[in-house]
Each structure stands twice: as C-alpha cells, then as structure tokens.
Amino acid sequence: EVQLVESGGGLVQPGGSLRLSCAASGFTFIKYTMIWVRQAPGKEREWLSSVTKTGDAWYADSVKGRFNVSRDNAKNMVYLQMNNLKPEDTAVYYCAQIGRAPRGQGTQVTVSS
C-alpha cells in the first residue's frame, strides 16, 4: 500500500522558513518523479514543484526562487525547503507521486504575524 506521510509544517512569521518532509513507502520510490502540491481553503489544489529520480526539479512561478525541492532515494524521502514565506503560502501541503492524487494527510503551513 502506498503511504506518503508529510511533516514539518507549522506557524511561521512572514519571511521565515520551514522544511517539509515526506516519507514514502509501499512503492518503488526511485521509479517516480515526486511532486509537492498545496491547497488553501476555498482554492484549487496548486502544483508547486516536481523532482525526478535524478534530482532535476521544476517549480511553479509562485514559489520559484523561494522553495527548493530535494529527495533522498536511499531513505525514500522528499523534502521541500521553503524560504521567505508569505501569508499567501498558508495552505495544507502534500507530496504525491506524479500523476497521482495526494494520499497523505498533508501538513499545515500557516504564515502569519
């Protein structure tokens, strides 16, 4: 069974940083490009970033230059380093296999002073 467990969210002031983690299990991790998405209340789910098995990464314009995605194939982990956070980054953040819906509970990120 595919399991994706996100962690690392919390309350942070504008301009602050957080590092999200995603622990993957139940599938051959290295075969999949992994993505991060987020969903804010009343808004559509938003794709943020993708990282291939070799570490090639892509970002949405909304987070480019502020977020950095990485993965550790030996540990089946995906990370999202988020810097210079803004109130509009407030959302629940999920990781997922590319082309699949998020399966985890997500982790709440709240950016507020």
Protein backbone atom coordinates (compact mmCIF):
# COMPACT_ATOMS: atom_id res chain seq x y z
CA GLU A 1 0.00 0.00 0.00
CA VAL A 2 1.32 3.39 -0.98
CA GLN A 3 1.91 5.62 2.03
CA LEU A 4 3.06 9.23 1.99
CA VAL A 5 3.47 10.99 5.31
CA GLU A 6 4.12 14.70 5.31
CA SER A 7 5.59 16.56 8.27
CA GLY A 8 7.35 19.75 9.20
CA GLY A 9 4.57 22.28 8.89
CA GLY A 10 3.72 24.87 11.49
CA LEU A 11 3.16 28.53 12.23
CA VAL A 12 5.84 30.88 10.96
CA GLN A 13 6.13 34.63 10.58
CA PRO A 14 6.34 36.24 7.16
CA GLY A 15 9.88 35.98 5.88
CA GLY A 16 10.51 32.82 7.85
CA SER A 17 11.46 29.35 6.70
CA LEU A 18 10.22 25.82 7.08
CA ARG A 19 11.43 22.47 5.81
CA LEU A 20 8.78 19.95 4.93
CA SER A 21 9.49 16.24 4.77
CA CYS A 22 7.63 13.42 3.06
CA ALA A 23 8.24 9.80 3.97
CA ALA A 24 7.29 7.40 1.19
CA SER A 25 6.66 3.69 1.37
CA GLY A 26 4.77 0.93 -0.39
CA PHE A 27 6.14 1.54 -3.88
CA THR A 28 9.44 1.66 -5.73
CA PHE A 29 10.33 5.20 -4.83
CA ILE A 30 13.17 5.68 -7.26
CA LYS A 31 10.90 4.98 -10.23
CA TYR A 32 8.73 8.01 -9.57
CA THR A 33 9.01 11.71 -10.04
CA MET A 34 7.61 13.17 -6.85
CA ILE A 35 5.66 16.39 -6.53
CA TRP A 36 4.59 18.85 -3.88
CA VAL A 37 1.19 20.48 -4.06
CA ARG A 38 -0.79 22.64 -1.68
CA GLN A 39 -4.38 23.52 -1.07
CA ALA A 40 -5.64 26.59 0.69
CA PRO A 41 -9.22 26.90 1.97
CA GLY A 42 -11.58 27.71 -0.86
CA LYS A 43 -8.88 27.41 -3.51
CA GLU A 44 -7.90 24.85 -6.11
CA ARG A 45 -5.05 22.50 -5.43
CA GLU A 46 -1.84 24.10 -6.67
CA TRP A 47 1.19 22.29 -8.02
CA LEU A 48 4.38 23.67 -6.52
CA SER A 49 7.32 21.56 -7.51
CA SER A 50 8.46 18.31 -9.09
CA VAL A 51 11.67 16.37 -8.58
CA THR A 52 12.80 13.49 -10.78
CA LYS A 53 14.66 10.41 -9.59
CA THR A 54 17.90 12.10 -10.59
CA GLY A 55 17.09 15.31 -8.78
CA ASP A 56 16.01 17.51 -11.67
CA ALA A 57 13.50 19.98 -10.33
CA TRP A 58 10.79 22.30 -11.57
CA TYR A 59 8.87 24.98 -9.73
CA ALA A 60 5.70 26.98 -10.06
CA ASP A 61 6.29 30.67 -10.65
CA SER A 62 4.66 31.41 -7.32
CA VAL A 63 7.47 29.69 -5.40
CA LYS A 64 10.43 29.85 -7.77
CA GLY A 65 13.45 31.30 -6.04
CA ARG A 66 11.97 30.74 -2.58
CA PHE A 67 11.35 26.98 -2.42
CA ASN A 68 13.82 24.19 -3.04
CA VAL A 69 12.85 20.55 -3.52
CA SER A 70 15.16 17.61 -2.92
CA ARG A 71 14.98 13.88 -2.35
CA ASP A 72 16.96 11.13 -0.72
CA ASN A 73 16.41 7.95 -2.69
CA ALA A 74 18.23 5.87 -0.09
CA LYS A 75 15.75 6.95 2.57
CA ASN A 76 12.64 7.25 0.39
CA MET A 77 12.26 10.86 1.44
CA VAL A 78 11.29 14.06 -0.33
CA TYR A 79 11.89 17.50 1.12
CA LEU A 80 10.66 20.99 0.46
CA GLN A 81 12.73 23.83 1.85
CA MET A 82 10.58 26.94 1.97
CA ASN A 83 12.19 30.32 2.49
CA ASN A 84 10.89 33.87 2.58
CA LEU A 85 7.42 32.60 3.37
CA LYS A 86 4.45 34.84 2.68
CA PRO A 87 0.92 34.85 4.10
CA GLU A 88 -0.34 33.59 0.75
CA ASP A 89 1.73 30.43 1.27
CA THR A 90 -0.70 29.40 4.01
CA ALA A 91 -2.16 26.04 3.00
CA VAL A 92 -2.03 22.33 3.59
CA TYR A 93 0.97 20.88 1.80
CA TYR A 94 1.06 17.41 0.29
CA CYS A 95 3.56 15.26 -1.52
CA ALA A 96 2.46 12.82 -4.17
CA GLN A 97 3.65 10.59 -6.95
CA ILE A 98 3.47 12.41 -10.24
CA GLY A 99 0.12 11.87 -11.94
CA ARG A 100 -1.50 10.64 -8.74
CA ALA A 101 -3.66 12.37 -6.18
CA PRO A 102 -2.14 13.04 -2.78
CA ARG A 103 -2.65 10.16 -0.38
CA GLY A 104 -1.43 11.59 2.89
CA GLN A 105 -2.95 13.87 5.48
CA GLY A 106 -0.74 16.74 4.49
CA THR A 107 0.96 19.20 6.78
CA GLN A 108 -0.46 22.59 7.65
CA VAL A 109 1.66 25.65 6.98
CA THR A 110 0.45 28.94 8.39
CA VAL A 111 2.31 32.15 7.67
CA SER A 112 1.16 34.93 9.92
CA SER A 113 2.49 37.63 12.18
